[in-house]
Amino acid sequence: MTDTPNAPTEPDVVGELIKLGRKLSDAVEYDVNGMNGKGGNGGLVSNETIKANGNFVRLLNKIGASQ
């Protein structure tokens, strides 16, 4: 990674990538299947999933911009 002001360090980026990736995966899984027989959106994408994806994409863009 380059030395860009305010650029996240590699461990920070990897940790955040894992955290947001899991959150996105959990949101998709919930939208499709629900949890413990409750919830789920019949395969429709919820606002929470859209937000989780947006956060994940922003992090991916940050990683791409710093390389």
PDB file of N, CA and C in Angstrom:
ATOM      1  N   MET A   1       0.831  -1.175   0.000  1.00  0.00           N
ATOM      2  CA  MET A   1       0.000   0.000   0.000  1.00  0.00           C
ATOM      3  C   MET A   1       0.871   1.231   0.000  1.00  0.00           C
ATOM      4  N   THR A   2       0.350   2.289  -0.524  1.00  0.00           N
ATOM      5  CA  THR A   2       1.101   3.531  -0.567  1.00  0.00           C
ATOM      6  C   THR A   2       0.893   4.311   0.713  1.00  0.00           C
ATOM      7  N   ASP A   3       1.784   5.271   0.972  1.00  0.00           N
ATOM      8  CA  ASP A   3       1.666   6.114   2.162  1.00  0.00           C
ATOM      9  C   ASP A   3       0.780   7.310   1.844  1.00  0.00           C
ATOM     10  N   THR A   4      -0.503   7.102   1.888  1.00  0.00           N
ATOM     11  CA  THR A   4      -1.481   8.140   1.626  1.00  0.00           C
ATOM     12  C   THR A   4      -2.016   8.633   2.960  1.00  0.00           C
ATOM     13  N   PRO A   5      -2.134   9.972   3.146  1.00  0.00           N
ATOM     14  CA  PRO A   5      -2.690  10.458   4.406  1.00  0.00           C
ATOM     15  C   PRO A   5      -4.079   9.873   4.647  1.00  0.00           C
ATOM     16  N   ASN A   6      -4.326   9.485   5.889  1.00  0.00           N
ATOM     17  CA  ASN A   6      -5.614   8.912   6.310  1.00  0.00           C
ATOM     18  C   ASN A   6      -5.928   7.562   5.674  1.00  0.00           C
ATOM     19  N   ALA A   7      -4.975   6.988   4.963  1.00  0.00           N
ATOM     20  CA  ALA A   7      -5.210   5.662   4.375  1.00  0.00           C
ATOM     21  C   ALA A   7      -5.157   4.633   5.496  1.00  0.00           C
ATOM     22  N   PRO A   8      -6.094   3.685   5.495  1.00  0.00           N
ATOM     23  CA  PRO A   8      -6.069   2.659   6.534  1.00  0.00           C
ATOM     24  C   PRO A   8      -4.851   1.770   6.379  1.00  0.00           C
ATOM     25  N   THR A   9      -4.345   1.247   7.501  1.00  0.00           N
ATOM     26  CA  THR A   9      -3.219   0.332   7.426  1.00  0.00           C
ATOM     27  C   THR A   9      -3.724  -1.029   6.976  1.00  0.00           C
ATOM     28  N   GLU A  10      -2.817  -1.865   6.524  1.00  0.00           N
ATOM     29  CA  GLU A  10      -3.216  -3.178   6.005  1.00  0.00           C
ATOM     30  C   GLU A  10      -4.003  -4.009   7.012  1.00  0.00           C
ATOM     31  N   PRO A  11      -3.527  -4.140   8.270  1.00  0.00           N
ATOM     32  CA  PRO A  11      -4.321  -4.938   9.221  1.00  0.00           C
ATOM     33  C   PRO A  11      -5.715  -4.345   9.449  1.00  0.00           C
ATOM     34  N   ASP A  12      -5.808  -2.996   9.479  1.00  0.00           N
ATOM     35  CA  ASP A  12      -7.118  -2.358   9.642  1.00  0.00           C
ATOM     36  C   ASP A  12      -8.037  -2.718   8.490  1.00  0.00           C
ATOM     37  N   VAL A  13      -7.515  -2.657   7.277  1.00  0.00           N
ATOM     38  CA  VAL A  13      -8.311  -2.925   6.083  1.00  0.00           C
ATOM     39  C   VAL A  13      -8.754  -4.384   6.059  1.00  0.00           C
ATOM     40  N   VAL A  14      -7.855  -5.290   6.365  1.00  0.00           N
ATOM     41  CA  VAL A  14      -8.192  -6.712   6.345  1.00  0.00           C
ATOM     42  C   VAL A  14      -9.248  -7.016   7.404  1.00  0.00           C
ATOM     43  N   GLY A  15      -9.077  -6.479   8.592  1.00  0.00           N
ATOM     44  CA  GLY A  15     -10.053  -6.694   9.652  1.00  0.00           C
ATOM     45  C   GLY A  15     -11.416  -6.132   9.283  1.00  0.00           C
ATOM     46  N   GLU A  16     -11.435  -4.937   8.717  1.00  0.00           N
ATOM     47  CA  GLU A  16     -12.694  -4.313   8.307  1.00  0.00           C
ATOM     48  C   GLU A  16     -13.323  -5.080   7.143  1.00  0.00           C
ATOM     49  N   LEU A  17     -12.498  -5.566   6.227  1.00  0.00           N
ATOM     50  CA  LEU A  17     -12.992  -6.358   5.103  1.00  0.00           C
ATOM     51  C   LEU A  17     -13.680  -7.627   5.608  1.00  0.00           C
ATOM     52  N   ILE A  18     -13.053  -8.292   6.549  1.00  0.00           N
ATOM     53  CA  ILE A  18     -13.641  -9.512   7.113  1.00  0.00           C
ATOM     54  C   ILE A  18     -14.947  -9.180   7.823  1.00  0.00           C
ATOM     55  N   LYS A  19     -14.944  -8.148   8.635  1.00  0.00           N
ATOM     56  CA  LYS A  19     -16.140  -7.769   9.391  1.00  0.00           C
ATOM     57  C   LYS A  19     -17.304  -7.414   8.466  1.00  0.00           C
ATOM     58  N   LEU A  20     -17.049  -6.567   7.470  1.00  0.00           N
ATOM     59  CA  LEU A  20     -18.119  -6.157   6.556  1.00  0.00           C
ATOM     60  C   LEU A  20     -18.543  -7.301   5.638  1.00  0.00           C
ATOM     61  N   GLY A  21     -17.600  -8.140   5.241  1.00  0.00           N
ATOM     62  CA  GLY A  21     -17.943  -9.294   4.412  1.00  0.00           C
ATOM     63  C   GLY A  21     -18.863 -10.256   5.148  1.00  0.00           C
ATOM     64  N   ARG A  22     -18.576 -10.495   6.425  1.00  0.00           N
ATOM     65  CA  ARG A  22     -19.443 -11.372   7.226  1.00  0.00           C
ATOM     66  C   ARG A  22     -20.822 -10.756   7.419  1.00  0.00           C
ATOM     67  N   LYS A  23     -20.854  -9.445   7.677  1.00  0.00           N
ATOM     68  CA  LYS A  23     -22.136  -8.764   7.870  1.00  0.00           C
ATOM     69  C   LYS A  23     -22.979  -8.848   6.597  1.00  0.00           C
ATOM     70  N   LEU A  24     -22.351  -8.646   5.460  1.00  0.00           N
ATOM     71  CA  LEU A  24     -23.060  -8.746   4.186  1.00  0.00           C
ATOM     72  C   LEU A  24     -23.554 -10.169   3.957  1.00  0.00           C
ATOM     73  N   SER A  25     -22.702 -11.142   4.222  1.00  0.00           N
ATOM     74  CA  SER A  25     -23.085 -12.539   4.044  1.00  0.00           C
ATOM     75  C   SER A  25     -24.249 -12.905   4.961  1.00  0.00           C
ATOM     76  N   ASP A  26     -24.192 -12.468   6.208  1.00  0.00           N
ATOM     77  CA  ASP A  26     -25.281 -12.732   7.145  1.00  0.00           C
ATOM     78  C   ASP A  26     -26.581 -12.083   6.681  1.00  0.00           C
ATOM     79  N   ALA A  27     -26.495 -10.856   6.164  1.00  0.00           N
ATOM     80  CA  ALA A  27     -27.692 -10.156   5.697  1.00  0.00           C
ATOM     81  C   ALA A  27     -28.325 -10.863   4.511  1.00  0.00           C
ATOM     82  N   VAL A  28     -27.504 -11.330   3.589  1.00  0.00           N
ATOM     83  CA  VAL A  28     -28.021 -12.055   2.423  1.00  0.00           C
ATOM     84  C   VAL A  28     -28.667 -13.358   2.876  1.00  0.00           C
ATOM     85  N   GLU A  29     -27.988 -14.081   3.768  1.00  0.00           N
ATOM     86  CA  GLU A  29     -28.511 -15.344   4.271  1.00  0.00           C
ATOM     87  C   GLU A  29     -29.861 -15.127   4.964  1.00  0.00           C
ATOM     88  N   TYR A  30     -29.976 -14.072   5.749  1.00  0.00           N
ATOM     89  CA  TYR A  30     -31.228 -13.785   6.445  1.00  0.00           C
ATOM     90  C   TYR A  30     -32.333 -13.438   5.443  1.00  0.00           C
ATOM     91  N   ASP A  31     -32.008 -12.611   4.454  1.00  0.00           N
ATOM     92  CA  ASP A  31     -33.018 -12.227   3.459  1.00  0.00           C
ATOM     93  C   ASP A  31     -33.560 -13.441   2.715  1.00  0.00           C
ATOM     94  N   VAL A  32     -32.702 -14.386   2.455  1.00  0.00           N
ATOM     95  CA  VAL A  32     -33.117 -15.553   1.678  1.00  0.00           C
ATOM     96  C   VAL A  32     -33.811 -16.591   2.561  1.00  0.00           C
ATOM     97  N   ASN A  33     -33.240 -16.875   3.741  1.00  0.00           N
ATOM     98  CA  ASN A  33     -33.701 -18.007   4.549  1.00  0.00           C
ATOM     99  C   ASN A  33     -34.333 -17.654   5.887  1.00  0.00           C
ATOM    100  N   GLY A  34     -34.146 -16.453   6.372  1.00  0.00           N
ATOM    101  CA  GLY A  34     -34.602 -16.129   7.721  1.00  0.00           C
ATOM    102  C   GLY A  34     -33.686 -16.777   8.745  1.00  0.00           C
ATOM    103  N   MET A  35     -34.158 -16.794  10.012  1.00  0.00           N
ATOM    104  CA  MET A  35     -33.346 -17.378  11.063  1.00  0.00           C
ATOM    105  C   MET A  35     -34.266 -18.043  12.075  1.00  0.00           C
ATOM    106  N   ASN A  36     -33.976 -19.278  12.399  1.00  0.00           N
ATOM    107  CA  ASN A  36     -34.773 -20.024  13.372  1.00  0.00           C
ATOM    108  C   ASN A  36     -36.262 -20.039  13.011  1.00  0.00           C
ATOM    109  N   GLY A  37     -36.539 -20.182  11.749  1.00  0.00           N
ATOM    110  CA  GLY A  37     -37.924 -20.250  11.302  1.00  0.00           C
ATOM    111  C   GLY A  37     -38.644 -18.920  11.249  1.00  0.00           C
ATOM    112  N   LYS A  38     -37.931 -17.824  11.486  1.00  0.00           N
ATOM    113  CA  LYS A  38     -38.552 -16.499  11.480  1.00  0.00           C
ATOM    114  C   LYS A  38     -37.801 -15.585  10.526  1.00  0.00           C
ATOM    115  N   GLY A  39     -38.516 -14.562  10.058  1.00  0.00           N
ATOM    116  CA  GLY A  39     -37.881 -13.559   9.221  1.00  0.00           C
ATOM    117  C   GLY A  39     -37.687 -14.033   7.804  1.00  0.00           C
ATOM    118  N   GLY A  40     -36.700 -13.493   7.186  1.00  0.00           N
ATOM    119  CA  GLY A  40     -36.485 -13.762   5.779  1.00  0.00           C
ATOM    120  C   GLY A  40     -37.405 -12.874   4.977  1.00  0.00           C
ATOM    121  N   ASN A  41     -37.006 -12.551   3.820  1.00  0.00           N
ATOM    122  CA  ASN A  41     -37.787 -11.651   2.977  1.00  0.00           C
ATOM    123  C   ASN A  41     -38.171 -12.323   1.666  1.00  0.00           C
ATOM    124  N   GLY A  42     -38.263 -13.631   1.696  1.00  0.00           N
ATOM    125  CA  GLY A  42     -38.650 -14.352   0.492  1.00  0.00           C
ATOM    126  C   GLY A  42     -37.713 -14.124  -0.678  1.00  0.00           C
ATOM    127  N   GLY A  43     -36.456 -13.892  -0.373  1.00  0.00           N
ATOM    128  CA  GLY A  43     -35.478 -13.650  -1.427  1.00  0.00           C
ATOM    129  C   GLY A  43     -35.367 -12.190  -1.828  1.00  0.00           C
ATOM    130  N   LEU A  44     -36.266 -11.337  -1.292  1.00  0.00           N
ATOM    131  CA  LEU A  44     -36.171  -9.908  -1.569  1.00  0.00           C
ATOM    132  C   LEU A  44     -35.021  -9.323  -0.761  1.00  0.00           C
ATOM    133  N   VAL A  45     -34.405  -8.289  -1.279  1.00  0.00           N
ATOM    134  CA  VAL A  45     -33.262  -7.680  -0.603  1.00  0.00           C
ATOM    135  C   VAL A  45     -33.758  -6.556   0.305  1.00  0.00           C
ATOM    136  N   SER A  46     -33.410  -6.653   1.589  1.00  0.00           N
ATOM    137  CA  SER A  46     -33.832  -5.652   2.562  1.00  0.00           C
ATOM    138  C   SER A  46     -32.935  -4.415   2.499  1.00  0.00           C
ATOM    139  N   ASN A  47     -33.410  -3.343   3.123  1.00  0.00           N
ATOM    140  CA  ASN A  47     -32.612  -2.112   3.207  1.00  0.00           C
ATOM    141  C   ASN A  47     -31.312  -2.360   3.966  1.00  0.00           C
ATOM    142  N   GLU A  48     -31.356  -3.227   4.980  1.00  0.00           N
ATOM    143  CA  GLU A  48     -30.148  -3.542   5.746  1.00  0.00           C
ATOM    144  C   GLU A  48     -29.101  -4.230   4.869  1.00  0.00           C
ATOM    145  N   THR A  49     -29.556  -5.106   4.003  1.00  0.00           N
ATOM    146  CA  THR A  49     -28.630  -5.793   3.094  1.00  0.00           C
ATOM    147  C   THR A  49     -28.044  -4.817   2.087  1.00  0.00           C
ATOM    148  N   ILE A  50     -28.872  -3.937   1.564  1.00  0.00           N
ATOM    149  CA  ILE A  50     -28.386  -2.932   0.617  1.00  0.00           C
ATOM    150  C   ILE A  50     -27.338  -2.049   1.291  1.00  0.00           C
ATOM    151  N   LYS A  51     -27.590  -1.656   2.545  1.00  0.00           N
ATOM    152  CA  LYS A  51     -26.630  -0.836   3.289  1.00  0.00           C
ATOM    153  C   LYS A  51     -25.339  -1.611   3.546  1.00  0.00           C
ATOM    154  N   ALA A  52     -25.465  -2.889   3.955  1.00  0.00           N
ATOM    155  CA  ALA A  52     -24.284  -3.714   4.199  1.00  0.00           C
ATOM    156  C   ALA A  52     -23.445  -3.855   2.936  1.00  0.00           C
ATOM    157  N   ASN A  53     -24.099  -4.034   1.804  1.00  0.00           N
ATOM    158  CA  ASN A  53     -23.380  -4.136   0.539  1.00  0.00           C
ATOM    159  C   ASN A  53     -22.687  -2.816   0.198  1.00  0.00           C
ATOM    160  N   GLY A  54     -23.376  -1.708   0.408  1.00  0.00           N
ATOM    161  CA  GLY A  54     -22.770  -0.395   0.140  1.00  0.00           C
ATOM    162  C   GLY A  54     -21.520  -0.180   0.972  1.00  0.00           C
ATOM    163  N   ASN A  55     -21.567  -0.541   2.253  1.00  0.00           N
ATOM    164  CA  ASN A  55     -20.395  -0.408   3.122  1.00  0.00           C
ATOM    165  C   ASN A  55     -19.246  -1.291   2.640  1.00  0.00           C
ATOM    166  N   PHE A  56     -19.579  -2.492   2.222  1.00  0.00           N
ATOM    167  CA  PHE A  56     -18.568  -3.427   1.726  1.00  0.00           C
ATOM    168  C   PHE A  56     -17.929  -2.896   0.436  1.00  0.00           C
ATOM    169  N   VAL A  57     -18.745  -2.407  -0.471  1.00  0.00           N
ATOM    170  CA  VAL A  57     -18.233  -1.876  -1.740  1.00  0.00           C
ATOM    171  C   VAL A  57     -17.351  -0.653  -1.495  1.00  0.00           C
ATOM    172  N   ARG A  58     -17.734   0.213  -0.554  1.00  0.00           N
ATOM    173  CA  ARG A  58     -16.904   1.386  -0.244  1.00  0.00           C
ATOM    174  C   ARG A  58     -15.529   0.963   0.260  1.00  0.00           C
ATOM    175  N   LEU A  59     -15.502  -0.076   1.107  1.00  0.00           N
ATOM    176  CA  LEU A  59     -14.217  -0.559   1.581  1.00  0.00           C
ATOM    177  C   LEU A  59     -13.397  -1.147   0.442  1.00  0.00           C
ATOM    178  N   LEU A  60     -14.027  -1.918  -0.415  1.00  0.00           N
ATOM    179  CA  LEU A  60     -13.315  -2.472  -1.576  1.00  0.00           C
ATOM    180  C   LEU A  60     -12.751  -1.350  -2.452  1.00  0.00           C
ATOM    181  N   ASN A  61     -13.517  -0.284  -2.627  1.00  0.00           N
ATOM    182  CA  ASN A  61     -13.043   0.848  -3.418  1.00  0.00           C
ATOM    183  C   ASN A  61     -11.849   1.524  -2.740  1.00  0.00           C
ATOM    184  N   LYS A  62     -11.884   1.620  -1.404  1.00  0.00           N
ATOM    185  CA  LYS A  62     -10.768   2.194  -0.659  1.00  0.00           C
ATOM    186  C   LYS A  62      -9.505   1.358  -0.871  1.00  0.00           C
ATOM    187  N   ILE A  63      -9.669   0.048  -0.813  1.00  0.00           N
ATOM    188  CA  ILE A  63      -8.540  -0.847  -1.011  1.00  0.00           C
ATOM    189  C   ILE A  63      -7.986  -0.675  -2.427  1.00  0.00           C
ATOM    190  N   GLY A  64      -8.869  -0.637  -3.421  1.00  0.00           N
ATOM    191  CA  GLY A  64      -8.432  -0.475  -4.808  1.00  0.00           C
ATOM    192  C   GLY A  64      -7.757   0.857  -5.049  1.00  0.00           C
ATOM    193  N   ALA A  65      -8.235   1.915  -4.400  1.00  0.00           N
ATOM    194  CA  ALA A  65      -7.665   3.251  -4.590  1.00  0.00           C
ATOM    195  C   ALA A  65      -6.289   3.368  -3.961  1.00  0.00           C
ATOM    196  N   SER A  66      -6.032   2.551  -2.932  1.00  0.00           N
ATOM    197  CA  SER A  66      -4.739   2.664  -2.242  1.00  0.00           C
ATOM    198  C   SER A  66      -3.676   1.766  -2.847  1.00  0.00           C
ATOM    199  N   GLN A  67      -4.025   1.015  -3.888  1.00  0.00           N
ATOM    200  CA  GLN A  67      -3.026   0.113  -4.476  1.00  0.00           C
ATOM    201  C   GLN A  67      -2.535   0.612  -5.802  1.00  0.00           C
TER     202      GLN A  67
END
